[in-house]
Amino acid sequence: RQCRALGITIKEIALLLRQRETPKDN
């Protein structure tokens, strides 16, 4: 919901969620 409020698309949120699962990545 916070991502959507910032105008981030569903596709971009999916990318962010995948990145969130690898917290030590760049």
mmCIF file of all heavy atoms, coordinates in Angstrom:
data_MODEL
# 
_entry.id   MODEL 
# 
loop_
_atom_site.group_PDB 
_atom_site.id 
_atom_site.type_symbol 
_atom_site.label_atom_id 
_atom_site.label_alt_id 
_atom_site.label_comp_id 
_atom_site.label_asym_id 
_atom_site.label_entity_id 
_atom_site.label_seq_id 
_atom_site.pdbx_PDB_ins_code 
_atom_site.Cartn_x 
_atom_site.Cartn_y 
_atom_site.Cartn_z 
_atom_site.occupancy 
_atom_site.B_iso_or_equiv 
_atom_site.pdbx_formal_charge 
_atom_site.auth_seq_id 
_atom_site.auth_comp_id 
_atom_site.auth_asym_id 
_atom_site.auth_atom_id 
_atom_site.pdbx_PDB_model_num 
ATOM 1   N N   . ARG A 1 1  ? 0.833  -1.209  0.000   1.00 0.00 ? 1  ARG A N   1 
ATOM 2   C CA  . ARG A 1 1  ? 0.000  0.000   0.000   1.00 0.00 ? 1  ARG A CA  1 
ATOM 3   C C   . ARG A 1 1  ? 0.868  1.260   0.000   1.00 0.00 ? 1  ARG A C   1 
ATOM 4   O O   . ARG A 1 1  ? 0.548  2.235   -0.677  1.00 0.00 ? 1  ARG A O   1 
ATOM 5   C CB  . ARG A 1 1  ? -0.933 -0.001  1.214   1.00 0.00 ? 1  ARG A CB  1 
ATOM 6   C CG  . ARG A 1 1  ? -1.942 -1.127  1.244   1.00 0.00 ? 1  ARG A CG  1 
ATOM 7   C CD  . ARG A 1 1  ? -3.092 -0.925  0.331   1.00 0.00 ? 1  ARG A CD  1 
ATOM 8   N NE  . ARG A 1 1  ? -3.883 0.182   0.849   1.00 0.00 ? 1  ARG A NE  1 
ATOM 9   C CZ  . ARG A 1 1  ? -4.717 0.894   0.127   1.00 0.00 ? 1  ARG A CZ  1 
ATOM 10  N NH1 . ARG A 1 1  ? -4.881 0.629   -1.135  1.00 0.00 ? 1  ARG A NH1 1 
ATOM 11  N NH2 . ARG A 1 1  ? -5.403 1.866   0.655   1.00 0.00 ? 1  ARG A NH2 1 
ATOM 12  N N   . GLN A 1 2  ? 1.956  1.246   0.767   1.00 0.00 ? 2  GLN A N   1 
ATOM 13  C CA  . GLN A 1 2  ? 2.841  2.414   0.787   1.00 0.00 ? 2  GLN A CA  1 
ATOM 14  C C   . GLN A 1 2  ? 3.504  2.605   -0.571  1.00 0.00 ? 2  GLN A C   1 
ATOM 15  O O   . GLN A 1 2  ? 3.633  3.738   -1.049  1.00 0.00 ? 2  GLN A O   1 
ATOM 16  C CB  . GLN A 1 2  ? 3.872  2.279   1.899   1.00 0.00 ? 2  GLN A CB  1 
ATOM 17  C CG  . GLN A 1 2  ? 3.256  2.438   3.276   1.00 0.00 ? 2  GLN A CG  1 
ATOM 18  C CD  . GLN A 1 2  ? 4.246  2.244   4.406   1.00 0.00 ? 2  GLN A CD  1 
ATOM 19  O OE1 . GLN A 1 2  ? 5.217  1.528   4.287   1.00 0.00 ? 2  GLN A OE1 1 
ATOM 20  N NE2 . GLN A 1 2  ? 3.965  2.888   5.526   1.00 0.00 ? 2  GLN A NE2 1 
ATOM 21  N N   . CYS A 1 3  ? 3.894  1.523   -1.213  1.00 0.00 ? 3  CYS A N   1 
ATOM 22  C CA  . CYS A 1 3  ? 4.474  1.613   -2.557  1.00 0.00 ? 3  CYS A CA  1 
ATOM 23  C C   . CYS A 1 3  ? 3.457  2.180   -3.546  1.00 0.00 ? 3  CYS A C   1 
ATOM 24  O O   . CYS A 1 3  ? 3.781  3.057   -4.349  1.00 0.00 ? 3  CYS A O   1 
ATOM 25  C CB  . CYS A 1 3  ? 4.943  0.240   -3.029  1.00 0.00 ? 3  CYS A CB  1 
ATOM 26  S SG  . CYS A 1 3  ? 6.426  -0.370  -2.201  1.00 0.00 ? 3  CYS A SG  1 
ATOM 27  N N   . ARG A 1 4  ? 2.230  1.681   -3.486  1.00 0.00 ? 4  ARG A N   1 
ATOM 28  C CA  . ARG A 1 4  ? 1.190  2.157   -4.397  1.00 0.00 ? 4  ARG A CA  1 
ATOM 29  C C   . ARG A 1 4  ? 0.923  3.646   -4.176  1.00 0.00 ? 4  ARG A C   1 
ATOM 30  O O   . ARG A 1 4  ? 0.706  4.390   -5.131  1.00 0.00 ? 4  ARG A O   1 
ATOM 31  C CB  . ARG A 1 4  ? -0.104 1.349   -4.235  1.00 0.00 ? 4  ARG A CB  1 
ATOM 32  C CG  . ARG A 1 4  ? -0.006 -0.097  -4.699  1.00 0.00 ? 4  ARG A CG  1 
ATOM 33  C CD  . ARG A 1 4  ? 0.281  -0.272  -6.166  1.00 0.00 ? 4  ARG A CD  1 
ATOM 34  N NE  . ARG A 1 4  ? -0.848 0.212   -6.950  1.00 0.00 ? 4  ARG A NE  1 
ATOM 35  C CZ  . ARG A 1 4  ? -0.742 0.842   -8.115  1.00 0.00 ? 4  ARG A CZ  1 
ATOM 36  N NH1 . ARG A 1 4  ? 0.437  1.073   -8.661  1.00 0.00 ? 4  ARG A NH1 1 
ATOM 37  N NH2 . ARG A 1 4  ? -1.814 1.246   -8.752  1.00 0.00 ? 4  ARG A NH2 1 
ATOM 38  N N   . ALA A 1 5  ? 0.961  4.081   -2.915  1.00 0.00 ? 5  ALA A N   1 
ATOM 39  C CA  . ALA A 1 5  ? 0.740  5.499   -2.608  1.00 0.00 ? 5  ALA A CA  1 
ATOM 40  C C   . ALA A 1 5  ? 1.838  6.372   -3.228  1.00 0.00 ? 5  ALA A C   1 
ATOM 41  O O   . ALA A 1 5  ? 1.609  7.552   -3.497  1.00 0.00 ? 5  ALA A O   1 
ATOM 42  C CB  . ALA A 1 5  ? 0.671  5.706   -1.099  1.00 0.00 ? 5  ALA A CB  1 
ATOM 43  N N   . LEU A 1 6  ? 2.994  5.795   -3.467  1.00 0.00 ? 6  LEU A N   1 
ATOM 44  C CA  . LEU A 1 6  ? 4.101  6.520   -4.087  1.00 0.00 ? 6  LEU A CA  1 
ATOM 45  C C   . LEU A 1 6  ? 4.080  6.412   -5.614  1.00 0.00 ? 6  LEU A C   1 
ATOM 46  O O   . LEU A 1 6  ? 4.980  6.923   -6.291  1.00 0.00 ? 6  LEU A O   1 
ATOM 47  C CB  . LEU A 1 6  ? 5.436  5.989   -3.556  1.00 0.00 ? 6  LEU A CB  1 
ATOM 48  C CG  . LEU A 1 6  ? 5.688  6.225   -2.071  1.00 0.00 ? 6  LEU A CG  1 
ATOM 49  C CD1 . LEU A 1 6  ? 6.942  5.477   -1.617  1.00 0.00 ? 6  LEU A CD1 1 
ATOM 50  C CD2 . LEU A 1 6  ? 5.809  7.712   -1.780  1.00 0.00 ? 6  LEU A CD2 1 
ATOM 51  N N   . GLY A 1 7  ? 3.070  5.734   -6.149  1.00 0.00 ? 7  GLY A N   1 
ATOM 52  C CA  . GLY A 1 7  ? 2.951  5.605   -7.595  1.00 0.00 ? 7  GLY A CA  1 
ATOM 53  C C   . GLY A 1 7  ? 3.759  4.462   -8.174  1.00 0.00 ? 7  GLY A C   1 
ATOM 54  O O   . GLY A 1 7  ? 3.931  4.378   -9.398  1.00 0.00 ? 7  GLY A O   1 
ATOM 55  N N   . ILE A 1 8  ? 4.231  3.580   -7.339  1.00 0.00 ? 8  ILE A N   1 
ATOM 56  C CA  . ILE A 1 8  ? 5.014  2.440   -7.809  1.00 0.00 ? 8  ILE A CA  1 
ATOM 57  C C   . ILE A 1 8  ? 4.044  1.397   -8.374  1.00 0.00 ? 8  ILE A C   1 
ATOM 58  O O   . ILE A 1 8  ? 3.030  1.083   -7.763  1.00 0.00 ? 8  ILE A O   1 
ATOM 59  C CB  . ILE A 1 8  ? 5.876  1.871   -6.661  1.00 0.00 ? 8  ILE A CB  1 
ATOM 60  C CG1 . ILE A 1 8  ? 6.861  2.953   -6.190  1.00 0.00 ? 8  ILE A CG1 1 
ATOM 61  C CG2 . ILE A 1 8  ? 6.611  0.609   -7.082  1.00 0.00 ? 8  ILE A CG2 1 
ATOM 62  C CD1 . ILE A 1 8  ? 7.643  2.602   -4.948  1.00 0.00 ? 8  ILE A CD1 1 
ATOM 63  N N   . THR A 1 9  ? 4.355  0.886   -9.547  1.00 0.00 ? 9  THR A N   1 
ATOM 64  C CA  . THR A 1 9  ? 3.461  -0.052  -10.223 1.00 0.00 ? 9  THR A CA  1 
ATOM 65  C C   . THR A 1 9  ? 3.503  -1.432  -9.566  1.00 0.00 ? 9  THR A C   1 
ATOM 66  O O   . THR A 1 9  ? 4.436  -1.757  -8.825  1.00 0.00 ? 9  THR A O   1 
ATOM 67  C CB  . THR A 1 9  ? 3.849  -0.215  -11.706 1.00 0.00 ? 9  THR A CB  1 
ATOM 68  O OG1 . THR A 1 9  ? 5.121  -0.876  -11.787 1.00 0.00 ? 9  THR A OG1 1 
ATOM 69  C CG2 . THR A 1 9  ? 3.896  1.125   -12.429 1.00 0.00 ? 9  THR A CG2 1 
ATOM 70  N N   . ILE A 1 10 ? 2.504  -2.221  -9.884  1.00 0.00 ? 10 ILE A N   1 
ATOM 71  C CA  . ILE A 1 10 ? 2.442  -3.584  -9.346  1.00 0.00 ? 10 ILE A CA  1 
ATOM 72  C C   . ILE A 1 10 ? 3.664  -4.382  -9.792  1.00 0.00 ? 10 ILE A C   1 
ATOM 73  O O   . ILE A 1 10 ? 4.260  -5.112  -9.005  1.00 0.00 ? 10 ILE A O   1 
ATOM 74  C CB  . ILE A 1 10 ? 1.119  -4.270  -9.760  1.00 0.00 ? 10 ILE A CB  1 
ATOM 75  C CG1 . ILE A 1 10 ? -0.032 -3.636  -8.965  1.00 0.00 ? 10 ILE A CG1 1 
ATOM 76  C CG2 . ILE A 1 10 ? 1.172  -5.774  -9.553  1.00 0.00 ? 10 ILE A CG2 1 
ATOM 77  C CD1 . ILE A 1 10 ? -1.410 -4.131  -9.315  1.00 0.00 ? 10 ILE A CD1 1 
ATOM 78  N N   . LYS A 1 11 ? 4.055  -4.214  -11.048 1.00 0.00 ? 11 LYS A N   1 
ATOM 79  C CA  . LYS A 1 11 ? 5.238  -4.911  -11.561 1.00 0.00 ? 11 LYS A CA  1 
ATOM 80  C C   . LYS A 1 11 ? 6.497  -4.491  -10.789 1.00 0.00 ? 11 LYS A C   1 
ATOM 81  O O   . LYS A 1 11 ? 7.326  -5.325  -10.432 1.00 0.00 ? 11 LYS A O   1 
ATOM 82  C CB  . LYS A 1 11 ? 5.395  -4.615  -13.055 1.00 0.00 ? 11 LYS A CB  1 
ATOM 83  C CG  . LYS A 1 11 ? 6.479  -5.373  -13.732 1.00 0.00 ? 11 LYS A CG  1 
ATOM 84  C CD  . LYS A 1 11 ? 6.499  -5.061  -15.227 1.00 0.00 ? 11 LYS A CD  1 
ATOM 85  C CE  . LYS A 1 11 ? 7.615  -5.780  -15.931 1.00 0.00 ? 11 LYS A CE  1 
ATOM 86  N NZ  . LYS A 1 11 ? 7.665  -5.471  -17.360 1.00 0.00 ? 11 LYS A NZ  1 
ATOM 87  N N   . GLU A 1 12 ? 6.630  -3.196  -10.526 1.00 0.00 ? 12 GLU A N   1 
ATOM 88  C CA  . GLU A 1 12 ? 7.785  -2.699  -9.771  1.00 0.00 ? 12 GLU A CA  1 
ATOM 89  C C   . GLU A 1 12 ? 7.741  -3.186  -8.322  1.00 0.00 ? 12 GLU A C   1 
ATOM 90  O O   . GLU A 1 12 ? 8.779  -3.507  -7.739  1.00 0.00 ? 12 GLU A O   1 
ATOM 91  C CB  . GLU A 1 12 ? 7.830  -1.171  -9.819  1.00 0.00 ? 12 GLU A CB  1 
ATOM 92  C CG  . GLU A 1 12 ? 8.157  -0.624  -11.199 1.00 0.00 ? 12 GLU A CG  1 
ATOM 93  C CD  . GLU A 1 12 ? 7.915  0.871   -11.321 1.00 0.00 ? 12 GLU A CD  1 
ATOM 94  O OE1 . GLU A 1 12 ? 7.044  1.422   -10.609 1.00 0.00 ? 12 GLU A OE1 1 
ATOM 95  O OE2 . GLU A 1 12 ? 8.601  1.503   -12.152 1.00 0.00 ? 12 GLU A OE2 1 
ATOM 96  N N   . ILE A 1 13 ? 6.549  -3.245  -7.747  1.00 0.00 ? 13 ILE A N   1 
ATOM 97  C CA  . ILE A 1 13 ? 6.423  -3.749  -6.372  1.00 0.00 ? 13 ILE A CA  1 
ATOM 98  C C   . ILE A 1 13 ? 6.860  -5.205  -6.309  1.00 0.00 ? 13 ILE A C   1 
ATOM 99  O O   . ILE A 1 13 ? 7.541  -5.612  -5.367  1.00 0.00 ? 13 ILE A O   1 
ATOM 100 C CB  . ILE A 1 13 ? 4.982  -3.584  -5.840  1.00 0.00 ? 13 ILE A CB  1 
ATOM 101 C CG1 . ILE A 1 13 ? 4.637  -2.103  -5.700  1.00 0.00 ? 13 ILE A CG1 1 
ATOM 102 C CG2 . ILE A 1 13 ? 4.811  -4.293  -4.496  1.00 0.00 ? 13 ILE A CG2 1 
ATOM 103 C CD1 . ILE A 1 13 ? 3.168  -1.824  -5.424  1.00 0.00 ? 13 ILE A CD1 1 
ATOM 104 N N   . ALA A 1 14 ? 6.506  -5.979  -7.320  1.00 0.00 ? 14 ALA A N   1 
ATOM 105 C CA  . ALA A 1 14 ? 6.932  -7.383  -7.362  1.00 0.00 ? 14 ALA A CA  1 
ATOM 106 C C   . ALA A 1 14 ? 8.461  -7.471  -7.346  1.00 0.00 ? 14 ALA A C   1 
ATOM 107 O O   . ALA A 1 14 ? 9.033  -8.302  -6.630  1.00 0.00 ? 14 ALA A O   1 
ATOM 108 C CB  . ALA A 1 14 ? 6.359  -8.071  -8.598  1.00 0.00 ? 14 ALA A CB  1 
ATOM 109 N N   . LEU A 1 15 ? 9.119  -6.576  -8.090  1.00 0.00 ? 15 LEU A N   1 
ATOM 110 C CA  . LEU A 1 15 ? 10.591 -6.549  -8.089  1.00 0.00 ? 15 LEU A CA  1 
ATOM 111 C C   . LEU A 1 15 ? 11.125 -6.174  -6.709  1.00 0.00 ? 15 LEU A C   1 
ATOM 112 O O   . LEU A 1 15 ? 12.080 -6.790  -6.208  1.00 0.00 ? 15 LEU A O   1 
ATOM 113 C CB  . LEU A 1 15 ? 11.109 -5.550  -9.120  1.00 0.00 ? 15 LEU A CB  1 
ATOM 114 C CG  . LEU A 1 15 ? 10.923 -5.915  -10.582 1.00 0.00 ? 15 LEU A CG  1 
ATOM 115 C CD1 . LEU A 1 15 ? 11.253 -4.731  -11.480 1.00 0.00 ? 15 LEU A CD1 1 
ATOM 116 C CD2 . LEU A 1 15 ? 11.796 -7.110  -10.936 1.00 0.00 ? 15 LEU A CD2 1 
ATOM 117 N N   . LEU A 1 16 ? 10.516 -5.174  -6.090  1.00 0.00 ? 16 LEU A N   1 
ATOM 118 C CA  . LEU A 1 16 ? 10.947 -4.753  -4.752  1.00 0.00 ? 16 LEU A CA  1 
ATOM 119 C C   . LEU A 1 16 ? 10.762 -5.868  -3.732  1.00 0.00 ? 16 LEU A C   1 
ATOM 120 O O   . LEU A 1 16 ? 11.627 -6.087  -2.874  1.00 0.00 ? 16 LEU A O   1 
ATOM 121 C CB  . LEU A 1 16 ? 10.174 -3.504  -4.308  1.00 0.00 ? 16 LEU A CB  1 
ATOM 122 C CG  . LEU A 1 16 ? 10.491 -2.210  -5.052  1.00 0.00 ? 16 LEU A CG  1 
ATOM 123 C CD1 . LEU A 1 16 ? 9.569  -1.092  -4.580  1.00 0.00 ? 16 LEU A CD1 1 
ATOM 124 C CD2 . LEU A 1 16 ? 11.953 -1.821  -4.860  1.00 0.00 ? 16 LEU A CD2 1 
ATOM 125 N N   . LEU A 1 17 ? 9.651  -6.572  -3.831  1.00 0.00 ? 17 LEU A N   1 
ATOM 126 C CA  . LEU A 1 17 ? 9.404  -7.664  -2.885  1.00 0.00 ? 17 LEU A CA  1 
ATOM 127 C C   . LEU A 1 17 ? 10.429 -8.782  -3.060  1.00 0.00 ? 17 LEU A C   1 
ATOM 128 O O   . LEU A 1 17 ? 10.887 -9.364  -2.070  1.00 0.00 ? 17 LEU A O   1 
ATOM 129 C CB  . LEU A 1 17 ? 7.982  -8.202  -3.051  1.00 0.00 ? 17 LEU A CB  1 
ATOM 130 C CG  . LEU A 1 17 ? 6.882  -7.284  -2.532  1.00 0.00 ? 17 LEU A CG  1 
ATOM 131 C CD1 . LEU A 1 17 ? 5.510  -7.768  -2.982  1.00 0.00 ? 17 LEU A CD1 1 
ATOM 132 C CD2 . LEU A 1 17 ? 6.941  -7.172  -1.012  1.00 0.00 ? 17 LEU A CD2 1 
ATOM 133 N N   . ARG A 1 18 ? 10.804 -9.067  -4.307  1.00 0.00 ? 18 ARG A N   1 
ATOM 134 C CA  . ARG A 1 18 ? 11.842 -10.083 -4.534  1.00 0.00 ? 18 ARG A CA  1 
ATOM 135 C C   . ARG A 1 18 ? 13.175 -9.611  -3.949  1.00 0.00 ? 18 ARG A C   1 
ATOM 136 O O   . ARG A 1 18 ? 13.898 -10.383 -3.328  1.00 0.00 ? 18 ARG A O   1 
ATOM 137 C CB  . ARG A 1 18 ? 11.976 -10.386 -6.020  1.00 0.00 ? 18 ARG A CB  1 
ATOM 138 C CG  . ARG A 1 18 ? 10.918 -11.348 -6.531  1.00 0.00 ? 18 ARG A CG  1 
ATOM 139 C CD  . ARG A 1 18 ? 11.256 -11.931 -7.892  1.00 0.00 ? 18 ARG A CD  1 
ATOM 140 N NE  . ARG A 1 18 ? 11.344 -10.947 -8.956  1.00 0.00 ? 18 ARG A NE  1 
ATOM 141 C CZ  . ARG A 1 18 ? 10.309 -10.467 -9.631  1.00 0.00 ? 18 ARG A CZ  1 
ATOM 142 N NH1 . ARG A 1 18 ? 9.095  -10.876 -9.364  1.00 0.00 ? 18 ARG A NH1 1 
ATOM 143 N NH2 . ARG A 1 18 ? 10.486 -9.590  -10.601 1.00 0.00 ? 18 ARG A NH2 1 
ATOM 144 N N   . GLN A 1 19 ? 13.491 -8.321  -4.143  1.00 0.00 ? 19 GLN A N   1 
ATOM 145 C CA  . GLN A 1 19 ? 14.740 -7.797  -3.593  1.00 0.00 ? 19 GLN A CA  1 
ATOM 146 C C   . GLN A 1 19 ? 14.710 -7.790  -2.072  1.00 0.00 ? 19 GLN A C   1 
ATOM 147 O O   . GLN A 1 19 ? 15.736 -8.005  -1.431  1.00 0.00 ? 19 GLN A O   1 
ATOM 148 C CB  . GLN A 1 19 ? 15.011 -6.388  -4.119  1.00 0.00 ? 19 GLN A CB  1 
ATOM 149 C CG  . GLN A 1 19 ? 15.452 -6.389  -5.567  1.00 0.00 ? 19 GLN A CG  1 
ATOM 150 C CD  . GLN A 1 19 ? 15.850 -5.010  -6.038  1.00 0.00 ? 19 GLN A CD  1 
ATOM 151 O OE1 . GLN A 1 19 ? 15.091 -4.060  -5.882  1.00 0.00 ? 19 GLN A OE1 1 
ATOM 152 N NE2 . GLN A 1 19 ? 17.032 -4.914  -6.621  1.00 0.00 ? 19 GLN A NE2 1 
ATOM 153 N N   . ARG A 1 20 ? 13.551 -7.558  -1.511  1.00 0.00 ? 20 ARG A N   1 
ATOM 154 C CA  . ARG A 1 20 ? 13.390 -7.515  -0.054  1.00 0.00 ? 20 ARG A CA  1 
ATOM 155 C C   . ARG A 1 20 ? 13.713 -8.871  0.571   1.00 0.00 ? 20 ARG A C   1 
ATOM 156 O O   . ARG A 1 20 ? 14.120 -8.945  1.729   1.00 0.00 ? 20 ARG A O   1 
ATOM 157 C CB  . ARG A 1 20 ? 11.946 -7.108  0.243   1.00 0.00 ? 20 ARG A CB  1 
ATOM 158 C CG  . ARG A 1 20 ? 11.665 -6.696  1.634   1.00 0.00 ? 20 ARG A CG  1 
ATOM 159 C CD  . ARG A 1 20 ? 10.251 -6.139  1.684   1.00 0.00 ? 20 ARG A CD  1 
ATOM 160 N NE  . ARG A 1 20 ? 9.796  -6.013  3.044   1.00 0.00 ? 20 ARG A NE  1 
ATOM 161 C CZ  . ARG A 1 20 ? 8.592  -6.312  3.455   1.00 0.00 ? 20 ARG A CZ  1 
ATOM 162 N NH1 . ARG A 1 20 ? 7.684  -6.735  2.604   1.00 0.00 ? 20 ARG A NH1 1 
ATOM 163 N NH2 . ARG A 1 20 ? 8.256  -6.161  4.706   1.00 0.00 ? 20 ARG A NH2 1 
ATOM 164 N N   . GLU A 1 21 ? 13.543 -9.931  -0.212  1.00 0.00 ? 21 GLU A N   1 
ATOM 165 C CA  . GLU A 1 21 ? 13.813 -11.283 0.284   1.00 0.00 ? 21 GLU A CA  1 
ATOM 166 C C   . GLU A 1 21 ? 15.298 -11.604 0.316   1.00 0.00 ? 21 GLU A C   1 
ATOM 167 O O   . GLU A 1 21 ? 15.690 -12.641 0.846   1.00 0.00 ? 21 GLU A O   1 
ATOM 168 C CB  . GLU A 1 21 ? 13.052 -12.307 -0.569  1.00 0.00 ? 21 GLU A CB  1 
ATOM 169 C CG  . GLU A 1 21 ? 11.548 -12.205 -0.389  1.00 0.00 ? 21 GLU A CG  1 
ATOM 170 C CD  . GLU A 1 21 ? 10.771 -13.057 -1.381  1.00 0.00 ? 21 GLU A CD  1 
ATOM 171 O OE1 . GLU A 1 21 ? 11.409 -13.770 -2.193  1.00 0.00 ? 21 GLU A OE1 1 
ATOM 172 O OE2 . GLU A 1 21 ? 9.534  -13.005 -1.345  1.00 0.00 ? 21 GLU A OE2 1 
ATOM 173 N N   . THR A 1 22 ? 16.125 -10.733 -0.251  1.00 0.00 ? 22 THR A N   1 
ATOM 174 C CA  . THR A 1 22 ? 17.582 -10.925 -0.233  1.00 0.00 ? 22 THR A CA  1 
ATOM 175 C C   . THR A 1 22 ? 18.221 -9.682  0.402   1.00 0.00 ? 22 THR A C   1 
ATOM 176 O O   . THR A 1 22 ? 18.828 -8.864  -0.298  1.00 0.00 ? 22 THR A O   1 
ATOM 177 C CB  . THR A 1 22 ? 18.121 -11.158 -1.654  1.00 0.00 ? 22 THR A CB  1 
ATOM 178 O OG1 . THR A 1 22 ? 17.721 -10.077 -2.490  1.00 0.00 ? 22 THR A OG1 1 
ATOM 179 C CG2 . THR A 1 22 ? 17.616 -12.472 -2.239  1.00 0.00 ? 22 THR A CG2 1 
ATOM 180 N N   . PRO A 1 23 ? 18.077 -9.546  1.714   1.00 0.00 ? 23 PRO A N   1 
ATOM 181 C CA  . PRO A 1 23 ? 18.479 -8.312  2.402   1.00 0.00 ? 23 PRO A CA  1 
ATOM 182 C C   . PRO A 1 23 ? 19.963 -7.968  2.312   1.00 0.00 ? 23 PRO A C   1 
ATOM 183 O O   . PRO A 1 23 ? 20.331 -6.808  2.517   1.00 0.00 ? 23 PRO A O   1 
ATOM 184 C CB  . PRO A 1 23 ? 18.058 -8.550  3.844   1.00 0.00 ? 23 PRO A CB  1 
ATOM 185 C CG  . PRO A 1 23 ? 17.892 -10.017 3.983   1.00 0.00 ? 23 PRO A CG  1 
ATOM 186 C CD  . PRO A 1 23 ? 17.561 -10.548 2.623   1.00 0.00 ? 23 PRO A CD  1 
ATOM 187 N N   . LYS A 1 24 ? 20.815 -8.903  1.973   1.00 0.00 ? 24 LYS A N   1 
ATOM 188 C CA  . LYS A 1 24 ? 22.252 -8.605  1.901   1.00 0.00 ? 24 LYS A CA  1 
ATOM 189 C C   . LYS A 1 24 ? 22.691 -8.179  0.507   1.00 0.00 ? 24 LYS A C   1 
ATOM 190 O O   . LYS A 1 24 ? 23.832 -7.788  0.314   1.00 0.00 ? 24 LYS A O   1 
ATOM 191 C CB  . LYS A 1 24 ? 23.045 -9.806  2.379   1.00 0.00 ? 24 LYS A CB  1 
ATOM 192 C CG  . LYS A 1 24 ? 22.782 -10.103 3.846   1.00 0.00 ? 24 LYS A CG  1 
ATOM 193 C CD  . LYS A 1 24 ? 23.813 -10.999 4.439   1.00 0.00 ? 24 LYS A CD  1 
ATOM 194 C CE  . LYS A 1 24 ? 23.391 -11.346 5.842   1.00 0.00 ? 24 LYS A CE  1 
ATOM 195 N NZ  . LYS A 1 24 ? 24.252 -10.895 6.845   1.00 0.00 ? 24 LYS A NZ  1 
ATOM 196 N N   . ASP A 1 25 ? 21.790 -8.229  -0.450  1.00 0.00 ? 25 ASP A N   1 
ATOM 197 C CA  . ASP A 1 25 ? 22.118 -7.809  -1.815  1.00 0.00 ? 25 ASP A CA  1 
ATOM 198 C C   . ASP A 1 25 ? 22.225 -6.295  -1.897  1.00 0.00 ? 25 ASP A C   1 
ATOM 199 O O   . ASP A 1 25 ? 21.691 -5.566  -1.057  1.00 0.00 ? 25 ASP A O   1 
ATOM 200 C CB  . ASP A 1 25 ? 21.059 -8.294  -2.806  1.00 0.00 ? 25 ASP A CB  1 
ATOM 201 C CG  . ASP A 1 25 ? 21.199 -9.770  -3.127  1.00 0.00 ? 25 ASP A CG  1 
ATOM 202 O OD1 . ASP A 1 25 ? 22.117 -10.419 -2.600  1.00 0.00 ? 25 ASP A OD1 1 
ATOM 203 O OD2 . ASP A 1 25 ? 20.371 -10.277 -3.908  1.00 0.00 ? 25 ASP A OD2 1 
ATOM 204 N N   . ASN A 1 26 ? 22.866 -5.817  -2.951  1.00 0.00 ? 26 ASN A N   1 
ATOM 205 C CA  . ASN A 1 26 ? 23.010 -4.392  -3.203  1.00 0.00 ? 26 ASN A CA  1 
ATOM 206 C C   . ASN A 1 26 ? 21.637 -3.780  -3.502  1.00 0.00 ? 26 ASN A C   1 
ATOM 207 O O   . ASN A 1 26 ? 20.822 -4.393  -4.183  1.00 0.00 ? 26 ASN A O   1 
ATOM 208 C CB  . ASN A 1 26 ? 23.955 -4.194  -4.394  1.00 0.00 ? 26 ASN A CB  1 
ATOM 209 C CG  . ASN A 1 26 ? 24.285 -2.756  -4.646  1.00 0.00 ? 26 ASN A CG  1 
ATOM 210 O OD1 . ASN A 1 26 ? 23.414 -1.968  -4.965  1.00 0.00 ? 26 ASN A OD1 1 
ATOM 211 N ND2 . ASN A 1 26 ? 25.553 -2.418  -4.510  1.00 0.00 ? 26 ASN A ND2 1 
# 
